[in-house]
Amino acid sequence: KYLAVPAAILTIVAANGAQAQEHASWTGAYVGVGVSGTNVETDQDSVQPGYSFYHAADYGGKHLYGYVQAGADVQLGDVVVGAQIRHERTGSDGDSLWKVDELVTTTAKHLTSLTARAGYLVKPKLLLYANAGVSFGHFDYASVDERWDQVDDSLRANREGVSFGAGAEYRLGKRVSVVGEYARTQYKRESSTFDYGE
């Protein structure tokens, strides 16, 4: 399965930066919480007894994630560079698709990303930035197959991928920011096997 996860992200950030200047420095550590509207897309290939390798399905859906994040930035003139870790979770149901005689389901339970970012201060309180890094996802998969009297199976798998995006952060005060970001994560194509109780 190959999974792509585009997300629109809104974050409230509390920063621990210097305050001696008229505008607070962007240098320092921060923590934040937020929500993301995420579209999970699954590209599934299959290999079954008596059948050759074939492309089985493309399916997906939109989900709401909540997350926490932490990071640190360094301001170098009008340039800001830093690193960040973000952990996202969802309680929403997975995405399903009937394909001829099988129901397949994918649920992206939680996602963790570690990214570096670099940005430019177009105004003392407004940062435009781009980021990129690695992502680790935990997914639940399920299959119900009518060819064997509706036998079912499920499994859990961890996936690794790359994440990249761009956004804007606006300082509401010396310690509080609001962030809007669009990010995309692409996970590696890897295999998982349903044995249906064998």
N, C-alpha and C. Protein backbone atom coordinates (compact mmCIF):
# COMPACT_ATOMS: atom_id res chain seq x y z
N LYS A 1 0.84 -1.19 0.00
CA LYS A 1 0.00 0.00 0.00
C LYS A 1 0.88 1.25 0.00
N TYR A 2 0.43 2.24 -0.73
CA TYR A 2 1.09 3.55 -0.77
C TYR A 2 0.08 4.57 -0.26
N LEU A 3 0.50 5.42 0.63
CA LEU A 3 -0.41 6.37 1.22
C LEU A 3 0.13 7.78 1.11
N ALA A 4 -0.75 8.69 0.69
CA ALA A 4 -0.42 10.11 0.65
C ALA A 4 -1.36 10.84 1.60
N VAL A 5 -0.82 11.77 2.36
CA VAL A 5 -1.61 12.45 3.38
C VAL A 5 -1.45 13.96 3.26
N PRO A 6 -2.26 14.63 2.44
CA PRO A 6 -2.25 16.09 2.43
C PRO A 6 -3.03 16.62 3.63
N ALA A 7 -2.58 17.74 4.19
CA ALA A 7 -3.24 18.27 5.38
C ALA A 7 -3.20 19.79 5.40
N ALA A 8 -4.31 20.38 5.82
CA ALA A 8 -4.36 21.81 6.12
C ALA A 8 -4.32 21.95 7.63
N ILE A 9 -3.36 22.69 8.15
CA ILE A 9 -3.03 22.66 9.57
C ILE A 9 -3.18 24.04 10.20
N LEU A 10 -3.81 24.09 11.37
CA LEU A 10 -3.93 25.33 12.14
C LEU A 10 -3.39 25.07 13.53
N THR A 11 -2.44 25.91 13.96
CA THR A 11 -1.75 25.70 15.23
C THR A 11 -1.75 26.96 16.07
N ILE A 12 -1.89 26.78 17.37
CA ILE A 12 -1.64 27.85 18.34
C ILE A 12 -0.34 27.52 19.05
N VAL A 13 0.62 28.43 19.01
CA VAL A 13 1.96 28.17 19.53
C VAL A 13 2.27 29.10 20.69
N ALA A 14 2.83 28.55 21.75
CA ALA A 14 3.34 29.34 22.87
C ALA A 14 4.86 29.26 22.83
N ALA A 15 5.52 30.42 22.70
CA ALA A 15 6.97 30.45 22.52
C ALA A 15 7.65 30.97 23.77
N ASN A 16 8.90 30.55 23.93
CA ASN A 16 9.76 31.03 25.01
C ASN A 16 10.93 31.74 24.37
N GLY A 17 10.72 32.97 23.92
CA GLY A 17 11.75 33.73 23.23
C GLY A 17 12.15 34.97 24.01
N ALA A 18 13.15 35.67 23.50
CA ALA A 18 13.61 36.91 24.15
C ALA A 18 12.54 37.98 24.04
N GLN A 19 12.50 38.89 25.01
CA GLN A 19 11.47 39.92 25.02
C GLN A 19 12.06 41.33 25.15
N ALA A 20 13.33 41.47 25.10
CA ALA A 20 13.93 42.77 25.33
C ALA A 20 13.72 43.72 24.17
N GLN A 21 13.51 43.19 22.94
CA GLN A 21 13.37 44.04 21.78
C GLN A 21 11.94 44.53 21.66
N GLU A 22 11.74 45.53 20.76
CA GLU A 22 10.37 46.00 20.51
C GLU A 22 9.51 44.86 19.99
N HIS A 23 10.08 44.05 19.10
CA HIS A 23 9.42 42.84 18.64
C HIS A 23 10.22 41.65 19.17
N ALA A 24 9.51 40.69 19.75
CA ALA A 24 10.19 39.55 20.35
C ALA A 24 11.00 38.80 19.31
N SER A 25 12.16 38.32 19.74
CA SER A 25 13.00 37.50 18.88
C SER A 25 12.29 36.17 18.58
N TRP A 26 12.55 35.63 17.40
CA TRP A 26 12.01 34.33 17.03
C TRP A 26 12.92 33.20 17.51
N THR A 27 14.04 33.55 18.14
CA THR A 27 14.93 32.54 18.68
C THR A 27 14.37 31.97 19.98
N GLY A 28 14.29 30.67 20.08
CA GLY A 28 13.81 30.04 21.29
C GLY A 28 13.02 28.78 21.02
N ALA A 29 12.61 28.12 22.11
CA ALA A 29 11.82 26.90 22.01
C ALA A 29 10.34 27.23 22.10
N TYR A 30 9.52 26.29 21.64
CA TYR A 30 8.08 26.51 21.67
C TYR A 30 7.35 25.17 21.74
N VAL A 31 6.10 25.23 22.19
CA VAL A 31 5.18 24.10 22.14
C VAL A 31 3.88 24.61 21.53
N GLY A 32 3.09 23.69 20.99
CA GLY A 32 1.85 24.11 20.37
C GLY A 32 0.84 22.98 20.29
N VAL A 33 -0.41 23.33 20.11
CA VAL A 33 -1.50 22.38 19.87
C VAL A 33 -2.27 22.86 18.65
N GLY A 34 -2.96 21.94 17.98
CA GLY A 34 -3.70 22.35 16.80
C GLY A 34 -4.58 21.26 16.26
N VAL A 35 -5.23 21.56 15.16
CA VAL A 35 -6.08 20.61 14.45
C VAL A 35 -5.69 20.64 12.98
N SER A 36 -5.92 19.54 12.29
CA SER A 36 -5.65 19.47 10.86
C SER A 36 -6.79 18.75 10.15
N GLY A 37 -7.16 19.28 9.00
CA GLY A 37 -8.08 18.60 8.12
C GLY A 37 -7.26 17.79 7.13
N THR A 38 -7.34 16.46 7.21
CA THR A 38 -6.42 15.58 6.50
C THR A 38 -7.16 14.67 5.53
N ASN A 39 -6.65 14.56 4.33
CA ASN A 39 -7.18 13.64 3.34
C ASN A 39 -6.20 12.48 3.18
N VAL A 40 -6.63 11.28 3.58
CA VAL A 40 -5.78 10.09 3.50
C VAL A 40 -6.12 9.34 2.22
N GLU A 41 -5.12 9.12 1.37
CA GLU A 41 -5.32 8.43 0.10
C GLU A 41 -4.52 7.13 0.11
N THR A 42 -5.17 6.02 -0.23
CA THR A 42 -4.53 4.71 -0.26
C THR A 42 -4.51 4.18 -1.69
N ASP A 43 -3.35 3.74 -2.11
CA ASP A 43 -3.14 3.12 -3.42
C ASP A 43 -2.74 1.67 -3.15
N GLN A 44 -3.63 0.72 -3.44
CA GLN A 44 -3.43 -0.67 -3.05
C GLN A 44 -3.19 -1.57 -4.25
N ASP A 45 -2.12 -2.36 -4.16
CA ASP A 45 -1.85 -3.44 -5.11
C ASP A 45 -2.04 -4.77 -4.40
N SER A 46 -2.38 -5.81 -5.15
CA SER A 46 -2.68 -7.11 -4.53
C SER A 46 -1.98 -8.25 -5.26
N VAL A 47 -1.65 -9.27 -4.49
CA VAL A 47 -1.20 -10.55 -5.01
C VAL A 47 -1.97 -11.63 -4.25
N GLN A 48 -2.71 -12.49 -4.97
CA GLN A 48 -3.51 -13.53 -4.35
C GLN A 48 -3.23 -14.87 -5.02
N PRO A 49 -3.46 -15.98 -4.30
CA PRO A 49 -3.23 -17.30 -4.90
C PRO A 49 -4.02 -17.46 -6.20
N GLY A 50 -3.32 -17.85 -7.25
CA GLY A 50 -3.98 -18.05 -8.53
C GLY A 50 -4.10 -16.80 -9.37
N TYR A 51 -3.64 -15.65 -8.83
CA TYR A 51 -3.72 -14.39 -9.55
C TYR A 51 -2.34 -13.76 -9.62
N SER A 52 -2.09 -13.01 -10.67
CA SER A 52 -0.84 -12.28 -10.77
C SER A 52 -0.96 -10.95 -10.04
N PHE A 53 0.15 -10.30 -9.86
CA PHE A 53 0.18 -8.97 -9.23
C PHE A 53 -0.68 -8.00 -10.03
N TYR A 54 -1.54 -7.25 -9.35
CA TYR A 54 -2.39 -6.31 -10.06
C TYR A 54 -2.71 -5.12 -9.17
N HIS A 55 -3.07 -4.01 -9.81
CA HIS A 55 -3.49 -2.82 -9.07
C HIS A 55 -4.93 -3.00 -8.64
N ALA A 56 -5.17 -2.98 -7.35
CA ALA A 56 -6.47 -3.36 -6.81
C ALA A 56 -7.42 -2.19 -6.58
N ALA A 57 -6.92 -1.09 -6.01
CA ALA A 57 -7.86 -0.04 -5.61
C ALA A 57 -7.14 1.26 -5.30
N ASP A 58 -7.87 2.35 -5.46
CA ASP A 58 -7.51 3.67 -4.96
C ASP A 58 -8.69 4.18 -4.15
N TYR A 59 -8.48 4.54 -2.92
CA TYR A 59 -9.58 5.05 -2.11
C TYR A 59 -9.03 5.95 -1.01
N GLY A 60 -9.91 6.67 -0.36
CA GLY A 60 -9.48 7.59 0.68
C GLY A 60 -10.64 8.36 1.27
N GLY A 61 -10.32 9.30 2.13
CA GLY A 61 -11.35 10.11 2.77
C GLY A 61 -10.74 11.22 3.60
N LYS A 62 -11.59 12.11 4.05
CA LYS A 62 -11.18 13.27 4.85
C LYS A 62 -11.40 12.99 6.32
N HIS A 63 -10.43 13.44 7.14
CA HIS A 63 -10.48 13.18 8.58
C HIS A 63 -9.95 14.39 9.34
N LEU A 64 -10.38 14.49 10.59
CA LEU A 64 -9.93 15.56 11.48
C LEU A 64 -8.95 14.97 12.48
N TYR A 65 -7.77 15.56 12.57
CA TYR A 65 -6.74 15.14 13.52
C TYR A 65 -6.49 16.25 14.53
N GLY A 66 -6.19 15.84 15.75
CA GLY A 66 -5.67 16.76 16.74
C GLY A 66 -4.20 16.44 16.98
N TYR A 67 -3.41 17.43 17.33
CA TYR A 67 -1.98 17.16 17.50
C TYR A 67 -1.32 18.09 18.50
N VAL A 68 -0.15 17.65 18.94
CA VAL A 68 0.75 18.47 19.77
C VAL A 68 2.07 18.54 19.04
N GLN A 69 2.81 19.61 19.27
CA GLN A 69 4.11 19.77 18.62
C GLN A 69 5.05 20.55 19.52
N ALA A 70 6.34 20.40 19.26
CA ALA A 70 7.37 21.14 19.98
C ALA A 70 8.54 21.36 19.04
N GLY A 71 9.26 22.44 19.27
CA GLY A 71 10.40 22.72 18.40
C GLY A 71 11.21 23.88 18.91
N ALA A 72 12.18 24.28 18.10
CA ALA A 72 13.04 25.41 18.44
C ALA A 72 13.47 26.10 17.15
N ASP A 73 13.57 27.42 17.21
CA ASP A 73 13.98 28.25 16.07
C ASP A 73 15.17 29.12 16.44
N VAL A 74 15.89 29.54 15.41
CA VAL A 74 16.96 30.52 15.55
C VAL A 74 16.73 31.62 14.51
N GLN A 75 16.73 32.87 14.95
CA GLN A 75 16.56 33.99 14.03
C GLN A 75 17.93 34.53 13.64
N LEU A 76 18.16 34.64 12.32
CA LEU A 76 19.40 35.18 11.76
C LEU A 76 19.03 36.34 10.85
N GLY A 77 18.92 37.53 11.42
CA GLY A 77 18.44 38.66 10.66
C GLY A 77 16.97 38.49 10.34
N ASP A 78 16.62 38.49 9.05
CA ASP A 78 15.24 38.27 8.64
C ASP A 78 14.94 36.81 8.31
N VAL A 79 15.91 35.94 8.56
CA VAL A 79 15.75 34.52 8.28
C VAL A 79 15.57 33.76 9.60
N VAL A 80 14.65 32.79 9.58
CA VAL A 80 14.41 31.94 10.75
C VAL A 80 14.56 30.49 10.31
N VAL A 81 15.38 29.74 11.06
CA VAL A 81 15.55 28.31 10.79
C VAL A 81 15.29 27.55 12.08
N GLY A 82 14.84 26.30 11.93
CA GLY A 82 14.55 25.53 13.13
C GLY A 82 14.17 24.10 12.82
N ALA A 83 13.78 23.37 13.87
CA ALA A 83 13.36 21.98 13.76
C ALA A 83 12.15 21.76 14.64
N GLN A 84 11.34 20.75 14.27
CA GLN A 84 10.07 20.56 14.95
C GLN A 84 9.67 19.09 14.94
N ILE A 85 9.02 18.64 16.01
CA ILE A 85 8.40 17.33 16.06
C ILE A 85 6.91 17.51 16.30
N ARG A 86 6.10 16.72 15.57
CA ARG A 86 4.64 16.84 15.68
C ARG A 86 4.03 15.44 15.75
N HIS A 87 3.09 15.26 16.67
CA HIS A 87 2.40 13.98 16.80
C HIS A 87 0.90 14.20 16.65
N GLU A 88 0.29 13.49 15.68
CA GLU A 88 -1.12 13.65 15.36
C GLU A 88 -1.87 12.35 15.65
N ARG A 89 -3.12 12.50 16.11
CA ARG A 89 -3.98 11.35 16.37
C ARG A 89 -5.39 11.65 15.88
N THR A 90 -6.12 10.59 15.54
CA THR A 90 -7.51 10.75 15.14
C THR A 90 -8.34 9.63 15.74
N GLY A 91 -9.60 9.93 16.01
CA GLY A 91 -10.55 8.92 16.46
C GLY A 91 -11.55 8.57 15.39
N SER A 92 -11.33 9.07 14.18
CA SER A 92 -12.30 8.85 13.11
C SER A 92 -12.19 7.43 12.55
N ASP A 93 -13.25 7.00 11.88
CA ASP A 93 -13.26 5.69 11.25
C ASP A 93 -12.33 5.68 10.04
N GLY A 94 -11.98 4.49 9.59
CA GLY A 94 -11.11 4.36 8.44
C GLY A 94 -11.86 4.58 7.14
N ASP A 95 -11.11 4.47 6.04
CA ASP A 95 -11.65 4.60 4.69
C ASP A 95 -11.82 3.20 4.10
N SER A 96 -12.98 2.95 3.48
CA SER A 96 -13.28 1.62 2.97
C SER A 96 -13.67 1.68 1.50
N LEU A 97 -13.50 0.52 0.84
CA LEU A 97 -13.88 0.39 -0.57
C LEU A 97 -14.25 -1.05 -0.86
N TRP A 98 -15.42 -1.24 -1.51
CA TRP A 98 -15.78 -2.55 -2.04
C TRP A 98 -15.09 -2.71 -3.39
N LYS A 99 -14.33 -3.78 -3.56
CA LYS A 99 -13.71 -4.04 -4.86
C LYS A 99 -14.09 -5.46 -5.30
N VAL A 100 -15.14 -5.53 -6.09
CA VAL A 100 -15.70 -6.76 -6.63
C VAL A 100 -16.27 -7.63 -5.51
N ASP A 101 -15.43 -8.35 -4.79
CA ASP A 101 -15.93 -9.25 -3.75
C ASP A 101 -15.15 -9.12 -2.45
N GLU A 102 -14.54 -7.98 -2.24
CA GLU A 102 -13.76 -7.77 -1.03
C GLU A 102 -13.94 -6.34 -0.53
N LEU A 103 -14.11 -6.21 0.78
CA LEU A 103 -14.15 -4.90 1.43
C LEU A 103 -12.80 -4.66 2.08
N VAL A 104 -12.11 -3.60 1.66
CA VAL A 104 -10.81 -3.25 2.25
C VAL A 104 -10.95 -1.93 3.00
N THR A 105 -10.23 -1.83 4.10
CA THR A 105 -10.30 -0.64 4.97
C THR A 105 -8.91 -0.24 5.42
N THR A 106 -8.65 1.06 5.42
CA THR A 106 -7.40 1.63 5.94
C THR A 106 -7.73 2.68 6.99
N THR A 107 -7.08 2.62 8.14
CA THR A 107 -7.25 3.62 9.18
C THR A 107 -5.87 4.14 9.58
N ALA A 108 -5.64 5.43 9.38
CA ALA A 108 -4.39 6.07 9.81
C ALA A 108 -4.59 6.55 11.25
N LYS A 109 -4.12 5.75 12.21
CA LYS A 109 -4.42 6.01 13.62
C LYS A 109 -3.63 7.20 14.17
N HIS A 110 -2.31 7.20 13.95
CA HIS A 110 -1.52 8.35 14.40
C HIS A 110 -0.30 8.51 13.52
N LEU A 111 0.15 9.77 13.42
CA LEU A 111 1.25 10.15 12.54
C LEU A 111 2.23 11.01 13.33
N THR A 112 3.51 10.74 13.19
CA THR A 112 4.54 11.53 13.85
C THR A 112 5.55 12.00 12.82
N SER A 113 5.83 13.29 12.81
CA SER A 113 6.78 13.84 11.83
C SER A 113 7.89 14.62 12.54
N LEU A 114 9.07 14.56 11.95
CA LEU A 114 10.22 15.34 12.41
C LEU A 114 10.71 16.13 11.21
N THR A 115 10.59 17.46 11.28
CA THR A 115 10.89 18.30 10.12
C THR A 115 11.81 19.45 10.50
N ALA A 116 12.52 19.93 9.49
CA ALA A 116 13.29 21.18 9.60
C ALA A 116 12.56 22.24 8.79
N ARG A 117 12.65 23.47 9.24
CA ARG A 117 12.00 24.54 8.49
C ARG A 117 12.92 25.74 8.34
N ALA A 118 12.68 26.50 7.27
CA ALA A 118 13.41 27.74 7.02
C ALA A 118 12.40 28.75 6.48
N GLY A 119 12.49 29.97 6.99
CA GLY A 119 11.53 30.98 6.58
C GLY A 119 12.10 32.37 6.54
N TYR A 120 11.28 33.28 6.02
CA TYR A 120 11.69 34.67 5.88
C TYR A 120 10.64 35.56 6.54
N LEU A 121 11.12 36.54 7.31
CA LEU A 121 10.23 37.48 7.99
C LEU A 121 9.86 38.60 7.02
N VAL A 122 8.68 38.52 6.43
CA VAL A 122 8.22 39.59 5.55
C VAL A 122 7.82 40.82 6.37
N LYS A 123 7.44 40.58 7.62
CA LYS A 123 7.21 41.62 8.62
C LYS A 123 7.74 41.09 9.94
N PRO A 124 8.02 41.95 10.91
CA PRO A 124 8.57 41.44 12.17
C PRO A 124 7.71 40.38 12.84
N LYS A 125 6.38 40.41 12.59
CA LYS A 125 5.48 39.45 13.21
C LYS A 125 4.99 38.37 12.25
N LEU A 126 5.40 38.41 11.00
CA LEU A 126 4.88 37.46 10.01
C LEU A 126 6.01 36.69 9.34
N LEU A 127 6.00 35.38 9.53
CA LEU A 127 7.00 34.49 8.97
C LEU A 127 6.38 33.61 7.90
N LEU A 128 6.96 33.61 6.71
CA LEU A 128 6.60 32.65 5.66
C LEU A 128 7.69 31.60 5.61
N TYR A 129 7.32 30.32 5.55
CA TYR A 129 8.34 29.28 5.66
C TYR A 129 7.98 28.05 4.83
N ALA A 130 8.98 27.22 4.61
CA ALA A 130 8.82 25.90 4.02
C ALA A 130 9.48 24.89 4.94
N ASN A 131 8.98 23.65 4.93
CA ASN A 131 9.57 22.63 5.79
C ASN A 131 9.63 21.29 5.07
N ALA A 132 10.45 20.40 5.58
CA ALA A 132 10.58 19.06 5.01
C ALA A 132 11.22 18.15 6.06
N GLY A 133 10.89 16.87 5.99
CA GLY A 133 11.46 15.93 6.94
C GLY A 133 10.91 14.53 6.76
N VAL A 134 10.97 13.76 7.82
CA VAL A 134 10.53 12.37 7.79
C VAL A 134 9.25 12.22 8.61
N SER A 135 8.48 11.18 8.26
CA SER A 135 7.23 10.93 8.97
C SER A 135 7.09 9.44 9.25
N PHE A 136 6.46 9.12 10.37
CA PHE A 136 6.22 7.74 10.76
C PHE A 136 4.73 7.59 11.05
N GLY A 137 4.08 6.66 10.36
CA GLY A 137 2.65 6.48 10.51
C GLY A 137 2.30 5.11 11.04
N HIS A 138 1.24 5.05 11.83
CA HIS A 138 0.72 3.78 12.35
C HIS A 138 -0.66 3.55 11.73
N PHE A 139 -0.80 2.45 10.98
CA PHE A 139 -2.01 2.20 10.22
C PHE A 139 -2.63 0.86 10.60
N ASP A 140 -3.96 0.83 10.61
CA ASP A 140 -4.71 -0.41 10.75
C ASP A 140 -5.33 -0.75 9.41
N TYR A 141 -5.17 -2.00 8.98
CA TYR A 141 -5.75 -2.48 7.73
C TYR A 141 -6.73 -3.61 8.03
N ALA A 142 -7.79 -3.71 7.22
CA ALA A 142 -8.76 -4.79 7.38
C ALA A 142 -9.27 -5.23 6.01
N SER A 143 -9.67 -6.50 5.94
CA SER A 143 -10.20 -7.06 4.70
C SER A 143 -11.30 -8.06 5.03
N VAL A 144 -12.41 -7.97 4.31
CA VAL A 144 -13.49 -8.96 4.38
C VAL A 144 -13.68 -9.48 2.96
N ASP A 145 -13.47 -10.79 2.78
CA ASP A 145 -13.48 -11.36 1.44
C ASP A 145 -14.64 -12.35 1.30
N GLU A 146 -15.55 -12.09 0.35
CA GLU A 146 -16.72 -12.94 0.15
C GLU A 146 -16.39 -14.28 -0.49
N ARG A 147 -15.24 -14.40 -1.13
CA ARG A 147 -14.92 -15.64 -1.82
C ARG A 147 -14.72 -16.80 -0.86
N TRP A 148 -14.42 -16.50 0.41
CA TRP A 148 -14.24 -17.54 1.41
C TRP A 148 -15.25 -17.34 2.55
N ASP A 149 -16.52 -17.23 2.16
CA ASP A 149 -17.62 -17.11 3.12
C ASP A 149 -17.44 -15.93 4.06
N GLN A 150 -17.03 -14.80 3.47
CA GLN A 150 -16.86 -13.55 4.21
C GLN A 150 -15.88 -13.66 5.37
N VAL A 151 -14.80 -14.40 5.17
CA VAL A 151 -13.75 -14.41 6.18
C VAL A 151 -13.12 -13.03 6.26
N ASP A 152 -12.63 -12.70 7.42
CA ASP A 152 -12.04 -11.37 7.59
C ASP A 152 -10.70 -11.49 8.30
N ASP A 153 -9.92 -10.45 8.13
CA ASP A 153 -8.62 -10.38 8.79
C ASP A 153 -8.26 -8.92 8.96
N SER A 154 -7.40 -8.65 9.93
CA SER A 154 -6.94 -7.28 10.16
C SER A 154 -5.49 -7.34 10.62
N LEU A 155 -4.81 -6.24 10.44
CA LEU A 155 -3.42 -6.17 10.87
C LEU A 155 -3.04 -4.72 11.11
N ARG A 156 -1.95 -4.53 11.81
CA ARG A 156 -1.40 -3.21 12.06
C ARG A 156 -0.01 -3.12 11.46
N ALA A 157 0.32 -1.96 10.94
CA ALA A 157 1.62 -1.79 10.28
C ALA A 157 2.12 -0.37 10.49
N ASN A 158 3.44 -0.25 10.60
CA ASN A 158 4.09 1.05 10.67
C ASN A 158 4.69 1.38 9.31
N ARG A 159 4.55 2.63 8.90
CA ARG A 159 5.07 3.06 7.61
C ARG A 159 5.97 4.28 7.80
N GLU A 160 7.00 4.37 6.97
CA GLU A 160 7.90 5.52 6.98
C GLU A 160 7.70 6.29 5.68
N GLY A 161 7.89 7.61 5.75
CA GLY A 161 7.74 8.42 4.55
C GLY A 161 8.42 9.76 4.69
N VAL A 162 8.15 10.62 3.72
CA VAL A 162 8.69 11.98 3.73
C VAL A 162 7.53 12.97 3.80
N SER A 163 7.78 14.07 4.47
CA SER A 163 6.77 15.10 4.64
C SER A 163 7.36 16.44 4.20
N PHE A 164 6.55 17.24 3.52
CA PHE A 164 7.00 18.56 3.11
C PHE A 164 5.80 19.49 3.02
N GLY A 165 6.06 20.78 3.20
CA GLY A 165 4.95 21.72 3.19
C GLY A 165 5.42 23.16 3.25
N ALA A 166 4.46 24.06 3.38
CA ALA A 166 4.73 25.49 3.47
C ALA A 166 3.64 26.13 4.30
N GLY A 167 3.98 27.25 4.93
CA GLY A 167 2.99 27.89 5.78
C GLY A 167 3.37 29.29 6.17
N ALA A 168 2.55 29.84 7.06
CA ALA A 168 2.77 31.19 7.58
C ALA A 168 2.50 31.17 9.08
N GLU A 169 3.34 31.87 9.82
CA GLU A 169 3.16 32.00 11.26
C GLU A 169 3.08 33.49 11.61
N TYR A 170 2.06 33.84 12.38
CA TYR A 170 1.86 35.24 12.76
C TYR A 170 1.91 35.37 14.28
N ARG A 171 2.72 36.29 14.77
CA ARG A 171 2.86 36.54 16.19
C ARG A 171 1.69 37.39 16.69
N LEU A 172 0.86 36.81 17.54
CA LEU A 172 -0.22 37.56 18.17
C LEU A 172 0.29 38.38 19.35
N GLY A 173 1.38 37.93 19.93
CA GLY A 173 2.01 38.60 21.05
C GLY A 173 3.44 38.13 21.14
N LYS A 174 4.13 38.50 22.22
CA LYS A 174 5.54 38.12 22.34
C LYS A 174 5.72 36.63 22.56
N ARG A 175 4.67 35.95 23.02
CA ARG A 175 4.81 34.52 23.31
C ARG A 175 3.79 33.64 22.61
N VAL A 176 2.86 34.21 21.88
CA VAL A 176 1.79 33.42 21.27
C VAL A 176 1.72 33.68 19.77
N SER A 177 1.63 32.61 18.99
CA SER A 177 1.52 32.70 17.53
C SER A 177 0.36 31.85 17.05
N VAL A 178 -0.11 32.16 15.85
CA VAL A 178 -1.04 31.29 15.15
C VAL A 178 -0.39 30.89 13.83
N VAL A 179 -0.55 29.61 13.45
CA VAL A 179 0.13 29.06 12.28
C VAL A 179 -0.88 28.43 11.35
N GLY A 180 -0.76 28.71 10.06
CA GLY A 180 -1.52 28.01 9.04
C GLY A 180 -0.54 27.33 8.09
N GLU A 181 -0.78 26.06 7.76
CA GLU A 181 0.20 25.31 6.97
C GLU A 181 -0.50 24.30 6.07
N TYR A 182 0.06 24.08 4.89
CA TYR A 182 -0.35 22.97 4.03
C TYR A 182 0.84 22.01 3.93
N ALA A 183 0.59 20.75 4.24
CA ALA A 183 1.67 19.76 4.21
C ALA A 183 1.21 18.51 3.47
N ARG A 184 2.16 17.79 2.92
CA ARG A 184 1.88 16.53 2.24
C ARG A 184 2.89 15.49 2.69
N THR A 185 2.39 14.31 3.01
CA THR A 185 3.25 13.20 3.42
C THR A 185 3.05 12.03 2.48
N GLN A 186 4.13 11.45 2.02
CA GLN A 186 4.07 10.29 1.14
C GLN A 186 4.81 9.13 1.81
N TYR A 187 4.10 8.04 2.03
CA TYR A 187 4.68 6.88 2.69
C TYR A 187 5.17 5.87 1.66
N LYS A 188 6.17 5.10 2.07
CA LYS A 188 6.75 4.10 1.18
C LYS A 188 5.73 3.03 0.80
N ARG A 189 5.90 2.49 -0.39
CA ARG A 189 5.11 1.34 -0.81
C ARG A 189 5.69 0.09 -0.16
N GLU A 190 4.90 -0.52 0.74
CA GLU A 190 5.35 -1.71 1.44
C GLU A 190 4.24 -2.74 1.45
N SER A 191 4.59 -3.98 1.78
CA SER A 191 3.64 -5.09 1.73
C SER A 191 3.12 -5.46 3.11
N SER A 192 1.85 -5.81 3.18
CA SER A 192 1.23 -6.40 4.37
C SER A 192 0.39 -7.58 3.89
N THR A 193 0.36 -8.65 4.66
CA THR A 193 -0.30 -9.88 4.22
C THR A 193 -1.46 -10.25 5.13
N PHE A 194 -2.64 -10.43 4.52
CA PHE A 194 -3.80 -10.98 5.22
C PHE A 194 -3.76 -12.50 5.07
N ASP A 195 -3.87 -13.22 6.20
CA ASP A 195 -3.85 -14.68 6.10
C ASP A 195 -5.22 -15.30 6.34
N TYR A 196 -6.21 -14.48 6.75
CA TYR A 196 -7.59 -14.94 6.93
C TYR A 196 -7.66 -16.18 7.83
N GLY A 197 -6.86 -16.13 8.90
CA GLY A 197 -6.94 -17.19 9.90
C GLY A 197 -6.14 -18.42 9.60
N GLU A 198 -5.37 -18.43 8.54
CA GLU A 198 -4.58 -19.62 8.19
C GLU A 198 -3.43 -19.82 9.18
